[in-house]
Amino acid sequence: LIIRAKNQGFRKIYISVNYLASMIKDYFQTGEKLGVQIKYIEEDEPLGTAGSIALLEPKPKKCFLVTNGDLITSINYKDLINYHRQNNAIASMSVRAYETENPFGIVKTDGINIIGFEEKPISKQNINAGVYVFEPEIINFLDKHKKCDIPELFENLKEANKQIIAYLIHEN
């Protein structure tokens, strides 16, 4: 993730740490060996997938990228950021189409009456791909002492009538 970000022009990286923090910090150190600057956001207790964003210092002045730390992806971060900006969003979530095939034929009923059949239907849904772009304003929706996960943050932004969007990726 760090090398991908570096190769796409990112130089300042923050890593939120709690569990195994010392191992992560010992491994990446300042990021100098990777050609980036790494700073750490240290959680005293787990704040969830979004909560540690409230601890960012200094506070961001322009949109910023957040990614889950366990991803292997070939997403183009700049395309995502451009899409976010073009759509005047406060928050953008990368999503990927996911299909599941029911191995059985479906019988549609109305009460006891059979009204149709669907043979082994395929369900298509968008799943969270774990890469986000946020405007600095989202920090106002976080409490640095309270756990908050990304879906909850998006729900809070939606309830506040903020522009939240999905960015469909086709990459792995």
C-alpha atoms as a PDB file:
ATOM      1  CA  LEU A   1       0.000   0.000   0.000  1.00  0.00           C
ATOM      2  CA  ILE A   2       2.771   2.420   0.879  1.00  0.00           C
ATOM      3  CA  ILE A   3       4.743   1.696  -2.282  1.00  0.00           C
ATOM      4  CA  ARG A   4       1.573   2.006  -4.411  1.00  0.00           C
ATOM      5  CA  ALA A   5       0.781   5.355  -2.770  1.00  0.00           C
ATOM      6  CA  LYS A   6       4.381   6.544  -3.264  1.00  0.00           C
ATOM      7  CA  ASN A   7       4.316   5.494  -6.926  1.00  0.00           C
ATOM      8  CA  GLN A   8       1.173   7.587  -7.358  1.00  0.00           C
ATOM      9  CA  GLY A   9       2.755  10.710  -5.878  1.00  0.00           C
ATOM     10  CA  PHE A  10       1.861  10.476  -2.188  1.00  0.00           C
ATOM     11  CA  ARG A  11       4.682  11.353   0.178  1.00  0.00           C
ATOM     12  CA  LYS A  12       3.049  11.931   3.570  1.00  0.00           C
ATOM     13  CA  ILE A  13       1.441   8.865   5.124  1.00  0.00           C
ATOM     14  CA  TYR A  14      -0.263   8.425   8.472  1.00  0.00           C
ATOM     15  CA  ILE A  15      -0.691   4.957   9.958  1.00  0.00           C
ATOM     16  CA  SER A  16      -3.220   4.477  12.728  1.00  0.00           C
ATOM     17  CA  VAL A  17      -1.834   2.014  15.253  1.00  0.00           C
ATOM     18  CA  ASN A  18      -3.069   0.281  18.359  1.00  0.00           C
ATOM     19  CA  TYR A  19      -2.597  -3.493  18.370  1.00  0.00           C
ATOM     20  CA  LEU A  20       1.057  -4.404  17.681  1.00  0.00           C
ATOM     21  CA  ALA A  21       1.878  -0.683  17.381  1.00  0.00           C
ATOM     22  CA  SER A  22       5.520  -1.106  18.386  1.00  0.00           C
ATOM     23  CA  MET A  23       6.098  -3.812  15.752  1.00  0.00           C
ATOM     24  CA  ILE A  24       4.540  -1.672  13.021  1.00  0.00           C
ATOM     25  CA  LYS A  25       6.513   1.405  14.067  1.00  0.00           C
ATOM     26  CA  ASP A  26       9.762  -0.571  14.347  1.00  0.00           C
ATOM     27  CA  TYR A  27       9.242  -1.972  10.857  1.00  0.00           C
ATOM     28  CA  PHE A  28       8.270   1.207   8.966  1.00  0.00           C
ATOM     29  CA  GLN A  29      10.037   3.732  11.225  1.00  0.00           C
ATOM     30  CA  THR A  30       9.913   7.208   9.625  1.00  0.00           C
ATOM     31  CA  GLY A  31       9.328   5.815   6.134  1.00  0.00           C
ATOM     32  CA  GLU A  32      12.644   7.194   4.908  1.00  0.00           C
ATOM     33  CA  LYS A  33      13.742   3.785   3.573  1.00  0.00           C
ATOM     34  CA  LEU A  34      10.592   3.707   1.440  1.00  0.00           C
ATOM     35  CA  GLY A  35      10.978   7.290   0.235  1.00  0.00           C
ATOM     36  CA  VAL A  36       7.978   8.638   2.158  1.00  0.00           C
ATOM     37  CA  GLN A  37       7.306  10.395   5.453  1.00  0.00           C
ATOM     38  CA  ILE A  38       5.338   8.246   7.905  1.00  0.00           C
ATOM     39  CA  LYS A  39       3.686   9.587  11.013  1.00  0.00           C
ATOM     40  CA  TYR A  40       1.674   7.524  13.453  1.00  0.00           C
ATOM     41  CA  ILE A  41      -1.742   8.085  14.928  1.00  0.00           C
ATOM     42  CA  GLU A  42      -1.659   6.288  18.254  1.00  0.00           C
ATOM     43  CA  GLU A  43      -4.940   5.094  19.685  1.00  0.00           C
ATOM     44  CA  ASP A  44      -4.999   4.535  23.427  1.00  0.00           C
ATOM     45  CA  GLU A  45      -7.972   2.284  22.846  1.00  0.00           C
ATOM     46  CA  PRO A  46      -9.392   1.117  19.510  1.00  0.00           C
ATOM     47  CA  LEU A  47     -11.416   3.872  17.841  1.00  0.00           C
ATOM     48  CA  GLY A  48     -12.761   1.841  14.932  1.00  0.00           C
ATOM     49  CA  THR A  49     -12.048   2.131  11.230  1.00  0.00           C
ATOM     50  CA  ALA A  50     -12.890   5.872  11.154  1.00  0.00           C
ATOM     51  CA  GLY A  51     -12.409   7.110  14.720  1.00  0.00           C
ATOM     52  CA  SER A  52      -8.666   7.643  14.557  1.00  0.00           C
ATOM     53  CA  ILE A  53      -9.137  10.165  11.735  1.00  0.00           C
ATOM     54  CA  ALA A  54     -10.217  12.602  14.467  1.00  0.00           C
ATOM     55  CA  LEU A  55      -6.670  12.359  15.891  1.00  0.00           C
ATOM     56  CA  LEU A  56      -4.971  13.635  12.714  1.00  0.00           C
ATOM     57  CA  GLU A  57      -2.518  16.433  13.499  1.00  0.00           C
ATOM     58  CA  PRO A  58      -2.281  18.787  11.836  1.00  0.00           C
ATOM     59  CA  LYS A  59      -5.870  18.716  10.608  1.00  0.00           C
ATOM     60  CA  PRO A  60      -6.008  18.258   6.833  1.00  0.00           C
ATOM     61  CA  LYS A  61      -6.675  21.363   4.746  1.00  0.00           C
ATOM     62  CA  LYS A  62      -7.729  19.508   1.579  1.00  0.00           C
ATOM     63  CA  CYS A  63      -9.235  16.156   0.707  1.00  0.00           C
ATOM     64  CA  PHE A  64      -7.336  13.106   1.861  1.00  0.00           C
ATOM     65  CA  LEU A  65      -7.211   9.399   1.086  1.00  0.00           C
ATOM     66  CA  VAL A  66      -7.881   6.680   3.654  1.00  0.00           C
ATOM     67  CA  THR A  67      -7.342   3.003   3.004  1.00  0.00           C
ATOM     68  CA  ASN A  68      -7.717  -0.123   5.078  1.00  0.00           C
ATOM     69  CA  GLY A  69      -4.323  -1.542   5.957  1.00  0.00           C
ATOM     70  CA  ASP A  70      -5.034  -5.092   4.809  1.00  0.00           C
ATOM     71  CA  LEU A  71      -5.745  -4.399   1.124  1.00  0.00           C
ATOM     72  CA  ILE A  72      -4.001  -5.591  -1.963  1.00  0.00           C
ATOM     73  CA  THR A  73      -5.373  -3.511  -4.806  1.00  0.00           C
ATOM     74  CA  SER A  74      -4.347  -1.909  -8.074  1.00  0.00           C
ATOM     75  CA  ILE A  75      -6.739   1.049  -7.747  1.00  0.00           C
ATOM     76  CA  ASN A  76      -5.601   4.364  -9.176  1.00  0.00           C
ATOM     77  CA  TYR A  77      -5.854   6.731  -6.210  1.00  0.00           C
ATOM     78  CA  LYS A  78      -5.675   9.866  -8.345  1.00  0.00           C
ATOM     79  CA  ASP A  79      -8.660   8.750 -10.436  1.00  0.00           C
ATOM     80  CA  LEU A  80     -10.641   8.237  -7.233  1.00  0.00           C
ATOM     81  CA  ILE A  81      -9.652  11.667  -5.902  1.00  0.00           C
ATOM     82  CA  ASN A  82     -10.538  13.335  -9.212  1.00  0.00           C
ATOM     83  CA  TYR A  83     -13.928  11.593  -9.236  1.00  0.00           C
ATOM     84  CA  HIS A  84     -14.511  12.727  -5.649  1.00  0.00           C
ATOM     85  CA  ARG A  85     -13.717  16.349  -6.548  1.00  0.00           C
ATOM     86  CA  GLN A  86     -15.753  16.334  -9.762  1.00  0.00           C
ATOM     87  CA  ASN A  87     -18.810  15.208  -7.810  1.00  0.00           C
ATOM     88  CA  ASN A  88     -18.379  17.733  -4.966  1.00  0.00           C
ATOM     89  CA  ALA A  89     -18.551  14.966  -2.388  1.00  0.00           C
ATOM     90  CA  ILE A  90     -17.684  15.197   1.277  1.00  0.00           C
ATOM     91  CA  ALA A  91     -16.939  11.454   1.291  1.00  0.00           C
ATOM     92  CA  SER A  92     -16.313   8.892  -1.442  1.00  0.00           C
ATOM     93  CA  MET A  93     -16.210   5.137  -0.985  1.00  0.00           C
ATOM     94  CA  SER A  94     -14.655   2.778  -3.484  1.00  0.00           C
ATOM     95  CA  VAL A  95     -16.980  -0.119  -4.235  1.00  0.00           C
ATOM     96  CA  ARG A  96     -16.634  -3.257  -6.303  1.00  0.00           C
ATOM     97  CA  ALA A  97     -19.377  -5.261  -7.959  1.00  0.00           C
ATOM     98  CA  TYR A  98     -19.808  -8.660  -6.347  1.00  0.00           C
ATOM     99  CA  GLU A  99     -21.963 -11.459  -7.718  1.00  0.00           C
ATOM    100  CA  THR A 100     -23.333 -14.488  -5.935  1.00  0.00           C
ATOM    101  CA  GLU A 101     -25.161 -17.291  -7.670  1.00  0.00           C
ATOM    102  CA  ASN A 102     -27.887 -19.136  -5.846  1.00  0.00           C
ATOM    103  CA  PRO A 103     -27.314 -22.835  -6.627  1.00  0.00           C
ATOM    104  CA  PHE A 104     -31.056 -23.540  -6.543  1.00  0.00           C
ATOM    105  CA  GLY A 105     -34.051 -22.651  -8.629  1.00  0.00           C
ATOM    106  CA  ILE A 106     -36.256 -20.089  -6.873  1.00  0.00           C
ATOM    107  CA  VAL A 107     -40.012 -20.582  -6.646  1.00  0.00           C
ATOM    108  CA  LYS A 108     -41.943 -17.313  -6.351  1.00  0.00           C
ATOM    109  CA  THR A 109     -45.198 -17.541  -4.469  1.00  0.00           C
ATOM    110  CA  ASP A 110     -48.134 -15.392  -3.462  1.00  0.00           C
ATOM    111  CA  GLY A 111     -49.520 -17.212  -0.473  1.00  0.00           C
ATOM    112  CA  ILE A 112     -49.827 -20.820  -1.654  1.00  0.00           C
ATOM    113  CA  ASN A 113     -50.030 -19.906  -5.331  1.00  0.00           C
ATOM    114  CA  ILE A 114     -46.929 -20.330  -7.475  1.00  0.00           C
ATOM    115  CA  ILE A 115     -46.511 -17.190  -9.553  1.00  0.00           C
ATOM    116  CA  GLY A 116     -43.130 -17.791 -11.137  1.00  0.00           C
ATOM    117  CA  PHE A 117     -39.759 -19.388 -11.242  1.00  0.00           C
ATOM    118  CA  GLU A 118     -36.193 -18.140 -11.454  1.00  0.00           C
ATOM    119  CA  GLU A 119     -33.513 -20.690 -12.186  1.00  0.00           C
ATOM    120  CA  LYS A 120     -30.316 -20.177 -10.183  1.00  0.00           C
ATOM    121  CA  PRO A 121     -30.513 -16.368 -10.005  1.00  0.00           C
ATOM    122  CA  ILE A 122     -27.414 -14.235  -9.766  1.00  0.00           C
ATOM    123  CA  SER A 123     -27.441 -11.446  -7.205  1.00  0.00           C
ATOM    124  CA  LYS A 124     -25.292  -8.396  -7.950  1.00  0.00           C
ATOM    125  CA  GLN A 125     -24.299  -6.006  -5.183  1.00  0.00           C
ATOM    126  CA  ASN A 126     -21.679  -3.352  -4.563  1.00  0.00           C
ATOM    127  CA  ILE A 127     -19.297  -4.141  -1.733  1.00  0.00           C
ATOM    128  CA  ASN A 128     -17.041  -1.779   0.176  1.00  0.00           C
ATOM    129  CA  ALA A 129     -13.545  -1.967  -1.334  1.00  0.00           C
ATOM    130  CA  GLY A 130     -11.847  -0.241   1.620  1.00  0.00           C
ATOM    131  CA  VAL A 131     -10.488   2.919  -0.044  1.00  0.00           C
ATOM    132  CA  TYR A 132     -12.016   6.328   0.710  1.00  0.00           C
ATOM    133  CA  VAL A 133     -11.565  10.026   0.016  1.00  0.00           C
ATOM    134  CA  PHE A 134     -12.733  12.554   2.598  1.00  0.00           C
ATOM    135  CA  GLU A 135     -12.982  16.298   2.863  1.00  0.00           C
ATOM    136  CA  PRO A 136     -11.528  17.812   6.056  1.00  0.00           C
ATOM    137  CA  GLU A 137     -15.080  18.669   7.198  1.00  0.00           C
ATOM    138  CA  ILE A 138     -15.769  15.009   8.057  1.00  0.00           C
ATOM    139  CA  ILE A 139     -13.623  15.416  11.161  1.00  0.00           C
ATOM    140  CA  ASN A 140     -16.501  17.476  12.604  1.00  0.00           C
ATOM    141  CA  PHE A 141     -18.546  14.258  12.551  1.00  0.00           C
ATOM    142  CA  LEU A 142     -16.014  12.356  14.668  1.00  0.00           C
ATOM    143  CA  ASP A 143     -15.226  12.402  18.372  1.00  0.00           C
ATOM    144  CA  LYS A 144     -11.609  11.565  19.184  1.00  0.00           C
ATOM    145  CA  HIS A 145     -12.782   9.754  22.317  1.00  0.00           C
ATOM    146  CA  LYS A 146     -15.486   7.634  20.698  1.00  0.00           C
ATOM    147  CA  LYS A 147     -15.278   4.557  18.486  1.00  0.00           C
ATOM    148  CA  CYS A 148     -16.630   5.037  14.969  1.00  0.00           C
ATOM    149  CA  ASP A 149     -16.465   2.697  12.007  1.00  0.00           C
ATOM    150  CA  ILE A 150     -16.527   3.834   8.376  1.00  0.00           C
ATOM    151  CA  PRO A 151     -20.135   2.682   7.721  1.00  0.00           C
ATOM    152  CA  GLU A 152     -21.314   4.661  10.767  1.00  0.00           C
ATOM    153  CA  LEU A 153     -19.458   7.758   9.542  1.00  0.00           C
ATOM    154  CA  PHE A 154     -21.113   7.453   6.123  1.00  0.00           C
ATOM    155  CA  GLU A 155     -24.518   7.026   7.814  1.00  0.00           C
ATOM    156  CA  ASN A 156     -23.919  10.156   9.906  1.00  0.00           C
ATOM    157  CA  LEU A 157     -22.933  12.118   6.807  1.00  0.00           C
ATOM    158  CA  LYS A 158     -26.011  10.864   4.966  1.00  0.00           C
ATOM    159  CA  GLU A 159     -28.272  11.891   7.857  1.00  0.00           C
ATOM    160  CA  ALA A 160     -26.700  15.367   7.705  1.00  0.00           C
ATOM    161  CA  ASN A 161     -27.614  15.521   3.970  1.00  0.00           C
ATOM    162  CA  LYS A 162     -23.974  15.587   2.908  1.00  0.00           C
ATOM    163  CA  GLN A 163     -22.898  14.427  -0.556  1.00  0.00           C
ATOM    164  CA  ILE A 164     -21.546  10.861  -0.161  1.00  0.00           C
ATOM    165  CA  ILE A 165     -20.784   8.870  -3.287  1.00  0.00           C
ATOM    166  CA  ALA A 166     -19.647   5.473  -4.515  1.00  0.00           C
ATOM    167  CA  TYR A 167     -16.721   5.052  -6.876  1.00  0.00           C
ATOM    168  CA  LEU A 168     -17.034   1.778  -8.782  1.00  0.00           C
ATOM    169  CA  ILE A 169     -13.668   0.094  -9.257  1.00  0.00           C
ATOM    170  CA  HIS A 170     -12.900  -2.665 -11.724  1.00  0.00           C
ATOM    171  CA  GLU A 171      -9.371  -3.311 -10.500  1.00  0.00           C
ATOM    172  CA  ASN A 172      -8.509  -6.203  -8.229  1.00  0.00           C
END
